Amino acid sequence: MSGLLRGYLNGESWQQSCKYANACGALVVSRHGCAPAMPTKEELDDYLLRAADVPRPDKDARLNHLHRVTKREKHWDELCVIAFDHRSQFVDMAEAAGVSINHIPYLKKLIWQAARQGALEAGLENNAGLLCDSTFGQDVLNEATGLKDDHVGQYWIGRPVELPGSRPLKLEHGNIGTYLNNWPKEQVVKCLMFYHPEDGELLRNEQESKIVEIYQACCATGNDMLLEVVLPKDYSPAQNSDGQYLSVMRRVYELGIMPDWWKVPPLSAKTWQDADELISKHDPHCRGVVILA
């Protein structure tokens, strides 16, 4: 009915209106559910252009991606994020000060309180965010999730899943699918990966299979994924580190991973232009880039 009405209300022919209707039905019956399975306009148009080559819509990666990203309810044109999702660094500081790590959750709550006050005073309406972990900051996540402050609005919330400092990449809490199943949908899955284009094959394969696993879990649960890329310290500083970051981003897209967000260090103006072209080519629906300060 919605497909039929799309054509009818736009003054299109009955033949075209019925084509929309049939395509909507084909997509809906290929998925679980009813209303949630309904295609968006962009998804429907893409399917109609390629219908002869898509015998199983539910198995088509491009359609599944469009179904996921064109239904987003919240958009962020700009973000100002305070990151205090560190874990091992806080543990090291506590031990150096001779203080129990049981004090870390209290410190994170103080940081969160200061961040809220700062967002309010700066007038960060609809563009304030935080990166916080569940290891020491679960109370913060509980309080921030779903919160809408006056003159600030809803907070963007990122939450890490990686085991701090792991290389090859490991997860802090085991199976990603089981772990994410209990997450609120508005929390962004942040994954930091120490990756270098010249990594050996075994290390590269292990890391890549892990981020594919995380991405697929995010697609299944509906959580956004933020992929943070950091060049590992065990490589000597390269003269062209900007180009290496770009190579890593290109490789991630080759793996079929389309992060909702990227997180990278500041890059040169030329590299930003190249990164913009790369992202636009592979995923024009990418939400944006969080710049590591």
C-alpha atoms as a PDB file:
ATOM      1  CA  MET A   1       0.000   0.000   0.000  1.00  0.00           C
ATOM      2  CA  SER A   2       2.772   2.465   0.826  1.00  0.00           C
ATOM      3  CA  GLY A   3       4.474   1.757  -2.511  1.00  0.00           C
ATOM      4  CA  LEU A   4       1.203   2.201  -4.363  1.00  0.00           C
ATOM      5  CA  LEU A   5       0.529   5.482  -2.566  1.00  0.00           C
ATOM      6  CA  ARG A   6       4.010   6.745  -3.362  1.00  0.00           C
ATOM      7  CA  GLY A   7       3.280   6.523  -7.065  1.00  0.00           C
ATOM      8  CA  TYR A   8      -0.342   7.685  -6.806  1.00  0.00           C
ATOM      9  CA  LEU A   9       0.400  10.773  -4.696  1.00  0.00           C
ATOM     10  CA  ASN A  10       3.223  11.778  -7.023  1.00  0.00           C
ATOM     11  CA  GLY A  11       0.996  11.551 -10.092  1.00  0.00           C
ATOM     12  CA  GLU A  12       2.801   8.556 -11.583  1.00  0.00           C
ATOM     13  CA  SER A  13       1.140   5.891 -13.715  1.00  0.00           C
ATOM     14  CA  TRP A  14      -0.723   2.925 -12.245  1.00  0.00           C
ATOM     15  CA  GLN A  15       1.902   0.680 -13.812  1.00  0.00           C
ATOM     16  CA  GLN A  16       4.712   2.490 -11.991  1.00  0.00           C
ATOM     17  CA  SER A  17       2.696   2.659  -8.775  1.00  0.00           C
ATOM     18  CA  CYS A  18       2.152  -1.094  -8.869  1.00  0.00           C
ATOM     19  CA  LYS A  19       5.843  -1.613  -9.562  1.00  0.00           C
ATOM     20  CA  TYR A  20       6.614   0.264  -6.354  1.00  0.00           C
ATOM     21  CA  ALA A  21       4.017  -1.787  -4.494  1.00  0.00           C
ATOM     22  CA  ASN A  22       5.326  -5.139  -5.732  1.00  0.00           C
ATOM     23  CA  ALA A  23       8.923  -4.195  -4.913  1.00  0.00           C
ATOM     24  CA  CYS A  24       7.923  -3.152  -1.388  1.00  0.00           C
ATOM     25  CA  GLY A  25       6.203  -6.498  -0.910  1.00  0.00           C
ATOM     26  CA  ALA A  26       9.214  -8.411  -2.239  1.00  0.00           C
ATOM     27  CA  LEU A  27      11.525  -6.656   0.210  1.00  0.00           C
ATOM     28  CA  VAL A  28       9.220  -7.024   3.208  1.00  0.00           C
ATOM     29  CA  VAL A  29       8.668 -10.768   2.782  1.00  0.00           C
ATOM     30  CA  SER A  30      12.423 -11.323   2.494  1.00  0.00           C
ATOM     31  CA  ARG A  31      12.941 -10.088   6.064  1.00  0.00           C
ATOM     32  CA  HIS A  32      11.675 -10.725   9.554  1.00  0.00           C
ATOM     33  CA  GLY A  33       8.945  -8.467  10.839  1.00  0.00           C
ATOM     34  CA  CYS A  34       6.501  -6.261   8.996  1.00  0.00           C
ATOM     35  CA  ALA A  35       6.696  -2.465   9.380  1.00  0.00           C
ATOM     36  CA  PRO A  36      10.431  -2.540  10.361  1.00  0.00           C
ATOM     37  CA  ALA A  37      11.151  -4.440   7.133  1.00  0.00           C
ATOM     38  CA  MET A  38       9.573  -1.758   4.930  1.00  0.00           C
ATOM     39  CA  PRO A  39      12.104  -0.133   2.575  1.00  0.00           C
ATOM     40  CA  THR A  40      12.935   3.560   2.528  1.00  0.00           C
ATOM     41  CA  LYS A  41      12.653   5.503  -0.726  1.00  0.00           C
ATOM     42  CA  GLU A  42      16.380   5.292  -1.450  1.00  0.00           C
ATOM     43  CA  GLU A  43      16.457   1.578  -0.719  1.00  0.00           C
ATOM     44  CA  LEU A  44      13.406   0.940  -2.912  1.00  0.00           C
ATOM     45  CA  ASP A  45      14.861   2.887  -5.840  1.00  0.00           C
ATOM     46  CA  ASP A  46      18.168   1.033  -5.556  1.00  0.00           C
ATOM     47  CA  TYR A  47      16.346  -2.318  -5.579  1.00  0.00           C
ATOM     48  CA  LEU A  48      14.284  -1.403  -8.643  1.00  0.00           C
ATOM     49  CA  LEU A  49      17.436  -0.457 -10.541  1.00  0.00           C
ATOM     50  CA  ARG A  50      19.040  -3.836  -9.760  1.00  0.00           C
ATOM     51  CA  ALA A  51      16.044  -6.145  -9.187  1.00  0.00           C
ATOM     52  CA  ALA A  52      17.009  -8.560 -11.951  1.00  0.00           C
ATOM     53  CA  ASP A  53      20.400  -9.080 -10.307  1.00  0.00           C
ATOM     54  CA  VAL A  54      19.075  -9.441  -6.741  1.00  0.00           C
ATOM     55  CA  PRO A  55      17.347 -12.824  -6.405  1.00  0.00           C
ATOM     56  CA  ARG A  56      17.675 -12.730  -2.605  1.00  0.00           C
ATOM     57  CA  PRO A  57      17.229  -9.188  -1.248  1.00  0.00           C
ATOM     58  CA  ASP A  58      17.950 -10.377   2.301  1.00  0.00           C
ATOM     59  CA  LYS A  59      21.421 -11.518   1.169  1.00  0.00           C
ATOM     60  CA  ASP A  60      22.310  -8.349  -0.729  1.00  0.00           C
ATOM     61  CA  ALA A  61      24.906  -6.355   1.223  1.00  0.00           C
ATOM     62  CA  ARG A  62      24.110  -3.052  -0.468  1.00  0.00           C
ATOM     63  CA  LEU A  63      20.378  -3.277   0.197  1.00  0.00           C
ATOM     64  CA  ASN A  64      20.943  -4.348   3.796  1.00  0.00           C
ATOM     65  CA  HIS A  65      23.270  -1.402   4.317  1.00  0.00           C
ATOM     66  CA  LEU A  66      20.766   1.055   2.865  1.00  0.00           C
ATOM     67  CA  HIS A  67      17.995  -0.465   4.967  1.00  0.00           C
ATOM     68  CA  ARG A  68      20.102   0.141   8.050  1.00  0.00           C
ATOM     69  CA  VAL A  69      21.465   3.624   7.411  1.00  0.00           C
ATOM     70  CA  THR A  70      18.525   5.355   5.696  1.00  0.00           C
ATOM     71  CA  LYS A  71      16.208   4.734   8.671  1.00  0.00           C
ATOM     72  CA  ARG A  72      18.256   6.730  11.155  1.00  0.00           C
ATOM     73  CA  GLU A  73      16.150   8.922  13.388  1.00  0.00           C
ATOM     74  CA  LYS A  74      18.869  11.092  14.930  1.00  0.00           C
ATOM     75  CA  HIS A  75      21.380  13.134  12.952  1.00  0.00           C
ATOM     76  CA  TRP A  76      24.436  14.970  14.231  1.00  0.00           C
ATOM     77  CA  ASP A  77      25.704  17.833  12.084  1.00  0.00           C
ATOM     78  CA  GLU A  78      28.493  18.622  14.531  1.00  0.00           C
ATOM     79  CA  LEU A  79      29.833  17.021  17.695  1.00  0.00           C
ATOM     80  CA  CYS A  80      31.899  18.130  20.663  1.00  0.00           C
ATOM     81  CA  VAL A  81      32.837  14.949  22.522  1.00  0.00           C
ATOM     82  CA  ILE A  82      34.691  14.532  25.800  1.00  0.00           C
ATOM     83  CA  ALA A  83      36.495  11.183  25.904  1.00  0.00           C
ATOM     84  CA  PHE A  84      37.126   9.527  29.246  1.00  0.00           C
ATOM     85  CA  ASP A  85      36.692   5.906  28.199  1.00  0.00           C
ATOM     86  CA  HIS A  86      40.307   5.158  29.211  1.00  0.00           C
ATOM     87  CA  ARG A  87      40.751   2.210  31.528  1.00  0.00           C
ATOM     88  CA  SER A  88      44.369   1.106  31.815  1.00  0.00           C
ATOM     89  CA  GLN A  89      45.549   4.730  32.065  1.00  0.00           C
ATOM     90  CA  PHE A  90      43.272   5.390  35.039  1.00  0.00           C
ATOM     91  CA  VAL A  91      44.423   2.166  36.696  1.00  0.00           C
ATOM     92  CA  ASP A  92      48.069   3.211  36.248  1.00  0.00           C
ATOM     93  CA  MET A  93      47.382   6.647  37.723  1.00  0.00           C
ATOM     94  CA  ALA A  94      45.535   5.203  40.701  1.00  0.00           C
ATOM     95  CA  GLU A  95      48.330   2.740  41.420  1.00  0.00           C
ATOM     96  CA  ALA A  96      50.966   5.452  41.077  1.00  0.00           C
ATOM     97  CA  ALA A  97      49.060   7.582  43.579  1.00  0.00           C
ATOM     98  CA  GLY A  98      48.586   4.652  45.970  1.00  0.00           C
ATOM     99  CA  VAL A  99      44.804   4.878  45.613  1.00  0.00           C
ATOM    100  CA  SER A 100      42.385   1.981  45.175  1.00  0.00           C
ATOM    101  CA  ILE A 101      40.972   1.577  41.669  1.00  0.00           C
ATOM    102  CA  ASN A 102      37.563   1.539  43.374  1.00  0.00           C
ATOM    103  CA  HIS A 103      37.831   5.348  43.319  1.00  0.00           C
ATOM    104  CA  ILE A 104      37.885   5.456  39.502  1.00  0.00           C
ATOM    105  CA  PRO A 105      34.073   5.200  39.037  1.00  0.00           C
ATOM    106  CA  TYR A 106      33.639   8.198  41.346  1.00  0.00           C
ATOM    107  CA  LEU A 107      36.177  10.183  39.320  1.00  0.00           C
ATOM    108  CA  LYS A 108      34.347   9.334  36.104  1.00  0.00           C
ATOM    109  CA  LYS A 109      31.092  10.581  37.585  1.00  0.00           C
ATOM    110  CA  LEU A 110      32.834  13.860  38.448  1.00  0.00           C
ATOM    111  CA  ILE A 111      34.078  14.143  34.856  1.00  0.00           C
ATOM    112  CA  TRP A 112      30.554  13.505  33.587  1.00  0.00           C
ATOM    113  CA  GLN A 113      29.109  16.169  35.894  1.00  0.00           C
ATOM    114  CA  ALA A 114      31.706  18.656  34.679  1.00  0.00           C
ATOM    115  CA  ALA A 115      30.981  17.706  31.044  1.00  0.00           C
ATOM    116  CA  ARG A 116      27.252  18.322  31.498  1.00  0.00           C
ATOM    117  CA  GLN A 117      27.899  21.697  33.069  1.00  0.00           C
ATOM    118  CA  GLY A 118      30.377  22.597  30.357  1.00  0.00           C
ATOM    119  CA  ALA A 119      27.937  21.600  27.591  1.00  0.00           C
ATOM    120  CA  LEU A 120      25.257  23.755  29.173  1.00  0.00           C
ATOM    121  CA  GLU A 121      27.501  26.789  29.594  1.00  0.00           C
ATOM    122  CA  ALA A 122      28.881  26.466  26.059  1.00  0.00           C
ATOM    123  CA  GLY A 123      25.396  26.149  24.599  1.00  0.00           C
ATOM    124  CA  LEU A 124      26.176  22.848  22.868  1.00  0.00           C
ATOM    125  CA  GLU A 125      22.582  22.268  21.857  1.00  0.00           C
ATOM    126  CA  ASN A 126      22.172  18.929  20.048  1.00  0.00           C
ATOM    127  CA  ASN A 127      25.911  18.395  19.546  1.00  0.00           C
ATOM    128  CA  ALA A 128      27.340  17.348  22.930  1.00  0.00           C
ATOM    129  CA  GLY A 129      28.754  13.869  23.401  1.00  0.00           C
ATOM    130  CA  LEU A 130      30.835  11.588  25.567  1.00  0.00           C
ATOM    131  CA  LEU A 131      32.977   8.484  25.250  1.00  0.00           C
ATOM    132  CA  CYS A 132      32.812   6.398  28.409  1.00  0.00           C
ATOM    133  CA  ASP A 133      33.464   2.762  29.297  1.00  0.00           C
ATOM    134  CA  SER A 134      31.322   0.307  31.223  1.00  0.00           C
ATOM    135  CA  THR A 135      34.268  -1.028  33.274  1.00  0.00           C
ATOM    136  CA  PHE A 136      34.505   2.073  35.463  1.00  0.00           C
ATOM    137  CA  GLY A 137      31.776   4.265  34.019  1.00  0.00           C
ATOM    138  CA  GLN A 138      28.632   2.138  33.982  1.00  0.00           C
ATOM    139  CA  ASP A 139      26.869   4.597  36.297  1.00  0.00           C
ATOM    140  CA  VAL A 140      27.685   7.386  33.858  1.00  0.00           C
ATOM    141  CA  LEU A 141      26.344   5.400  30.914  1.00  0.00           C
ATOM    142  CA  ASN A 142      23.154   4.626  32.824  1.00  0.00           C
ATOM    143  CA  GLU A 143      22.594   8.288  33.624  1.00  0.00           C
ATOM    144  CA  ALA A 144      23.528   9.707  30.214  1.00  0.00           C
ATOM    145  CA  THR A 145      21.601   7.230  28.062  1.00  0.00           C
ATOM    146  CA  GLY A 146      18.245   8.669  27.079  1.00  0.00           C
ATOM    147  CA  LEU A 147      18.946  11.902  28.940  1.00  0.00           C
ATOM    148  CA  LYS A 148      17.810  15.176  27.362  1.00  0.00           C
ATOM    149  CA  ASP A 149      19.114  18.256  29.154  1.00  0.00           C
ATOM    150  CA  ASP A 150      17.486  21.641  28.616  1.00  0.00           C
ATOM    151  CA  HIS A 151      19.452  23.719  26.075  1.00  0.00           C
ATOM    152  CA  VAL A 152      21.691  20.714  25.348  1.00  0.00           C
ATOM    153  CA  GLY A 153      19.341  18.006  24.131  1.00  0.00           C
ATOM    154  CA  GLN A 154      20.215  14.350  23.758  1.00  0.00           C
ATOM    155  CA  TYR A 155      23.829  13.323  24.275  1.00  0.00           C
ATOM    156  CA  TRP A 156      25.814  11.336  21.729  1.00  0.00           C
ATOM    157  CA  ILE A 157      27.268   8.343  23.619  1.00  0.00           C
ATOM    158  CA  GLY A 158      30.179   6.157  22.553  1.00  0.00           C
ATOM    159  CA  ARG A 159      31.204   3.027  24.457  1.00  0.00           C
ATOM    160  CA  PRO A 160      34.373   0.965  23.856  1.00  0.00           C
ATOM    161  CA  VAL A 161      34.471  -2.788  23.299  1.00  0.00           C
ATOM    162  CA  GLU A 162      38.195  -3.444  22.778  1.00  0.00           C
ATOM    163  CA  LEU A 163      40.539  -4.822  25.405  1.00  0.00           C
ATOM    164  CA  PRO A 164      42.798  -1.816  26.134  1.00  0.00           C
ATOM    165  CA  GLY A 165      46.126  -1.990  24.344  1.00  0.00           C
ATOM    166  CA  SER A 166      45.393  -5.315  22.647  1.00  0.00           C
ATOM    167  CA  ARG A 167      47.211  -6.104  19.418  1.00  0.00           C
ATOM    168  CA  PRO A 168      45.948  -8.226  17.807  1.00  0.00           C
ATOM    169  CA  LEU A 169      42.578  -6.758  18.643  1.00  0.00           C
ATOM    170  CA  LYS A 170      40.685  -8.530  21.420  1.00  0.00           C
ATOM    171  CA  LEU A 171      37.336  -7.786  23.014  1.00  0.00           C
ATOM    172  CA  GLU A 172      37.066  -6.820  26.652  1.00  0.00           C
ATOM    173  CA  HIS A 173      33.889  -8.770  27.348  1.00  0.00           C
ATOM    174  CA  GLY A 174      33.984 -11.885  25.179  1.00  0.00           C
ATOM    175  CA  ASN A 175      31.396 -12.641  22.502  1.00  0.00           C
ATOM    176  CA  ILE A 176      30.394  -9.403  20.803  1.00  0.00           C
ATOM    177  CA  GLY A 177      26.940 -10.580  19.705  1.00  0.00           C
ATOM    178  CA  THR A 178      25.913 -11.612  23.217  1.00  0.00           C
ATOM    179  CA  TYR A 179      27.427  -8.447  24.682  1.00  0.00           C
ATOM    180  CA  LEU A 180      25.724  -6.016  22.290  1.00  0.00           C
ATOM    181  CA  ASN A 181      22.362  -7.701  22.684  1.00  0.00           C
ATOM    182  CA  ASN A 182      22.000  -5.913  26.041  1.00  0.00           C
ATOM    183  CA  TRP A 183      23.081  -2.473  24.832  1.00  0.00           C
ATOM    184  CA  PRO A 184      20.665   0.438  24.316  1.00  0.00           C
ATOM    185  CA  LYS A 185      20.415   1.217  20.596  1.00  0.00           C
ATOM    186  CA  GLU A 186      21.577   4.812  21.028  1.00  0.00           C
ATOM    187  CA  GLN A 187      24.985   3.791  22.364  1.00  0.00           C
ATOM    188  CA  VAL A 188      27.695   3.819  19.691  1.00  0.00           C
ATOM    189  CA  VAL A 189      30.063   0.830  19.593  1.00  0.00           C
ATOM    190  CA  LYS A 190      33.562   2.309  19.671  1.00  0.00           C
ATOM    191  CA  CYS A 191      36.444   0.018  18.700  1.00  0.00           C
ATOM    192  CA  LEU A 192      40.085   1.082  18.761  1.00  0.00           C
ATOM    193  CA  MET A 193      42.354  -0.923  16.481  1.00  0.00           C
ATOM    194  CA  PHE A 194      46.151  -0.644  16.373  1.00  0.00           C
ATOM    195  CA  TYR A 195      46.722  -1.372  12.700  1.00  0.00           C
ATOM    196  CA  HIS A 196      49.502  -0.738  10.195  1.00  0.00           C
ATOM    197  CA  PRO A 197      49.392  -1.319   6.418  1.00  0.00           C
ATOM    198  CA  GLU A 198      52.654  -3.280   6.691  1.00  0.00           C
ATOM    199  CA  ASP A 199      51.437  -5.710   9.377  1.00  0.00           C
ATOM    200  CA  GLY A 200      52.243  -9.368   8.747  1.00  0.00           C
ATOM    201  CA  GLU A 201      49.590 -11.553   7.148  1.00  0.00           C
ATOM    202  CA  LEU A 202      48.689 -13.537  10.275  1.00  0.00           C
ATOM    203  CA  LEU A 203      48.313 -10.440  12.434  1.00  0.00           C
ATOM    204  CA  ARG A 204      46.403  -8.603   9.723  1.00  0.00           C
ATOM    205  CA  ASN A 205      43.991 -11.492   9.141  1.00  0.00           C
ATOM    206  CA  GLU A 206      43.279 -11.867  12.842  1.00  0.00           C
ATOM    207  CA  GLN A 207      42.579  -8.172  13.278  1.00  0.00           C
ATOM    208  CA  GLU A 208      40.467  -7.913  10.167  1.00  0.00           C
ATOM    209  CA  SER A 209      38.319 -10.907  11.067  1.00  0.00           C
ATOM    210  CA  LYS A 210      37.654  -9.322  14.464  1.00  0.00           C
ATOM    211  CA  ILE A 211      36.484  -5.979  13.098  1.00  0.00           C
ATOM    212  CA  VAL A 212      34.311  -7.798  10.534  1.00  0.00           C
ATOM    213  CA  GLU A 213      32.749  -9.675  13.452  1.00  0.00           C
ATOM    214  CA  ILE A 214      32.121  -6.432  15.345  1.00  0.00           C
ATOM    215  CA  TYR A 215      30.645  -4.735  12.290  1.00  0.00           C
ATOM    216  CA  GLN A 216      28.297  -7.622  11.571  1.00  0.00           C
ATOM    217  CA  ALA A 217      27.135  -7.597  15.192  1.00  0.00           C
ATOM    218  CA  CYS A 218      26.384  -3.869  14.934  1.00  0.00           C
ATOM    219  CA  CYS A 219      24.414  -4.449  11.748  1.00  0.00           C
ATOM    220  CA  ALA A 220      22.373  -7.101  13.559  1.00  0.00           C
ATOM    221  CA  THR A 221      21.641  -5.026  16.678  1.00  0.00           C
ATOM    222  CA  GLY A 222      21.237  -1.629  15.002  1.00  0.00           C
ATOM    223  CA  ASN A 223      23.978   0.113  16.991  1.00  0.00           C
ATOM    224  CA  ASP A 224      26.262   2.567  15.222  1.00  0.00           C
ATOM    225  CA  MET A 225      29.916   1.569  14.934  1.00  0.00           C
ATOM    226  CA  LEU A 226      32.808   3.982  15.448  1.00  0.00           C
ATOM    227  CA  LEU A 227      36.151   2.621  14.273  1.00  0.00           C
ATOM    228  CA  GLU A 228      39.216   4.313  15.716  1.00  0.00           C
ATOM    229  CA  VAL A 229      42.442   3.669  13.831  1.00  0.00           C
ATOM    230  CA  VAL A 230      45.825   4.193  15.518  1.00  0.00           C
ATOM    231  CA  LEU A 231      49.209   3.371  14.021  1.00  0.00           C
ATOM    232  CA  PRO A 232      51.028   1.083  16.494  1.00  0.00           C
ATOM    233  CA  LYS A 233      53.974   2.418  18.469  1.00  0.00           C
ATOM    234  CA  ASP A 234      56.235  -0.491  17.519  1.00  0.00           C
ATOM    235  CA  TYR A 235      56.692   1.025  14.044  1.00  0.00           C
ATOM    236  CA  SER A 236      59.139   3.872  13.618  1.00  0.00           C
ATOM    237  CA  PRO A 237      57.380   7.167  12.906  1.00  0.00           C
ATOM    238  CA  ALA A 238      56.684   7.347   9.216  1.00  0.00           C
ATOM    239  CA  GLN A 239      57.083  10.459   7.124  1.00  0.00           C
ATOM    240  CA  ASN A 240      53.787   9.669   5.443  1.00  0.00           C
ATOM    241  CA  SER A 241      51.607   8.665   8.368  1.00  0.00           C
ATOM    242  CA  ASP A 242      48.679  10.501   6.766  1.00  0.00           C
ATOM    243  CA  GLY A 243      48.922   8.213   3.752  1.00  0.00           C
ATOM    244  CA  GLN A 244      49.040   5.170   6.013  1.00  0.00           C
ATOM    245  CA  TYR A 245      45.842   6.203   7.777  1.00  0.00           C
ATOM    246  CA  LEU A 246      44.222   6.610   4.376  1.00  0.00           C
ATOM    247  CA  SER A 247      45.454   3.139   3.367  1.00  0.00           C
ATOM    248  CA  VAL A 248      43.910   1.612   6.483  1.00  0.00           C
ATOM    249  CA  MET A 249      40.575   3.316   5.800  1.00  0.00           C
ATOM    250  CA  ARG A 250      40.666   2.047   2.220  1.00  0.00           C
ATOM    251  CA  ARG A 251      41.393  -1.486   3.429  1.00  0.00           C
ATOM    252  CA  VAL A 252      38.455  -1.393   5.857  1.00  0.00           C
ATOM    253  CA  TYR A 253      36.104  -0.547   2.992  1.00  0.00           C
ATOM    254  CA  GLU A 254      37.606  -3.368   0.913  1.00  0.00           C
ATOM    255  CA  LEU A 255      36.580  -5.745   3.703  1.00  0.00           C
ATOM    256  CA  GLY A 256      32.959  -4.661   3.271  1.00  0.00           C
ATOM    257  CA  ILE A 257      32.955  -2.719   6.545  1.00  0.00           C
ATOM    258  CA  MET A 258      31.248   0.671   6.456  1.00  0.00           C
ATOM    259  CA  PRO A 259      31.718   2.331   9.843  1.00  0.00           C
ATOM    260  CA  ASP A 260      29.023   4.792  10.836  1.00  0.00           C
ATOM    261  CA  TRP A 261      31.803   6.909  12.326  1.00  0.00           C
ATOM    262  CA  TRP A 262      35.560   7.113  11.920  1.00  0.00           C
ATOM    263  CA  LYS A 263      37.969   8.328  14.576  1.00  0.00           C
ATOM    264  CA  VAL A 264      41.436   9.385  13.416  1.00  0.00           C
ATOM    265  CA  PRO A 265      44.111  11.919  14.433  1.00  0.00           C
ATOM    266  CA  PRO A 266      44.274  15.340  12.747  1.00  0.00           C
ATOM    267  CA  LEU A 267      45.383  15.013   9.121  1.00  0.00           C
ATOM    268  CA  SER A 268      46.722  17.407   6.500  1.00  0.00           C
ATOM    269  CA  ALA A 269      44.285  19.385   4.359  1.00  0.00           C
ATOM    270  CA  LYS A 270      45.137  17.267   1.293  1.00  0.00           C
ATOM    271  CA  THR A 271      44.609  14.019   3.192  1.00  0.00           C
ATOM    272  CA  TRP A 272      41.234  15.252   4.475  1.00  0.00           C
ATOM    273  CA  GLN A 273      40.209  15.880   0.867  1.00  0.00           C
ATOM    274  CA  ASP A 274      41.318  12.372  -0.087  1.00  0.00           C
ATOM    275  CA  ALA A 275      39.531  10.894   2.928  1.00  0.00           C
ATOM    276  CA  ASP A 276      36.370  12.785   2.026  1.00  0.00           C
ATOM    277  CA  GLU A 277      36.478  11.395  -1.499  1.00  0.00           C
ATOM    278  CA  LEU A 278      37.138   7.880  -0.194  1.00  0.00           C
ATOM    279  CA  ILE A 279      34.227   7.985   2.245  1.00  0.00           C
ATOM    280  CA  SER A 280      31.862   9.549  -0.294  1.00  0.00           C
ATOM    281  CA  LYS A 281      32.740   6.867  -2.830  1.00  0.00           C
ATOM    282  CA  HIS A 282      32.172   3.895  -0.529  1.00  0.00           C
ATOM    283  CA  ASP A 283      29.537   5.151   1.899  1.00  0.00           C
ATOM    284  CA  PRO A 284      27.941   8.574   1.388  1.00  0.00           C
ATOM    285  CA  HIS A 285      25.759   7.787   4.430  1.00  0.00           C
ATOM    286  CA  CYS A 286      28.767   7.727   6.794  1.00  0.00           C
ATOM    287  CA  ARG A 287      27.839   9.984   9.713  1.00  0.00           C
ATOM    288  CA  GLY A 288      31.260  11.625   9.956  1.00  0.00           C
ATOM    289  CA  VAL A 289      34.695  11.679  11.532  1.00  0.00           C
ATOM    290  CA  VAL A 290      35.533  12.202  15.203  1.00  0.00           C
ATOM    291  CA  ILE A 291      38.960  13.834  15.368  1.00  0.00           C
ATOM    292  CA  LEU A 292      41.327  12.640  18.069  1.00  0.00           C
ATOM    293  CA  ALA A 293      42.519  15.702  19.988  1.00  0.00           C
END
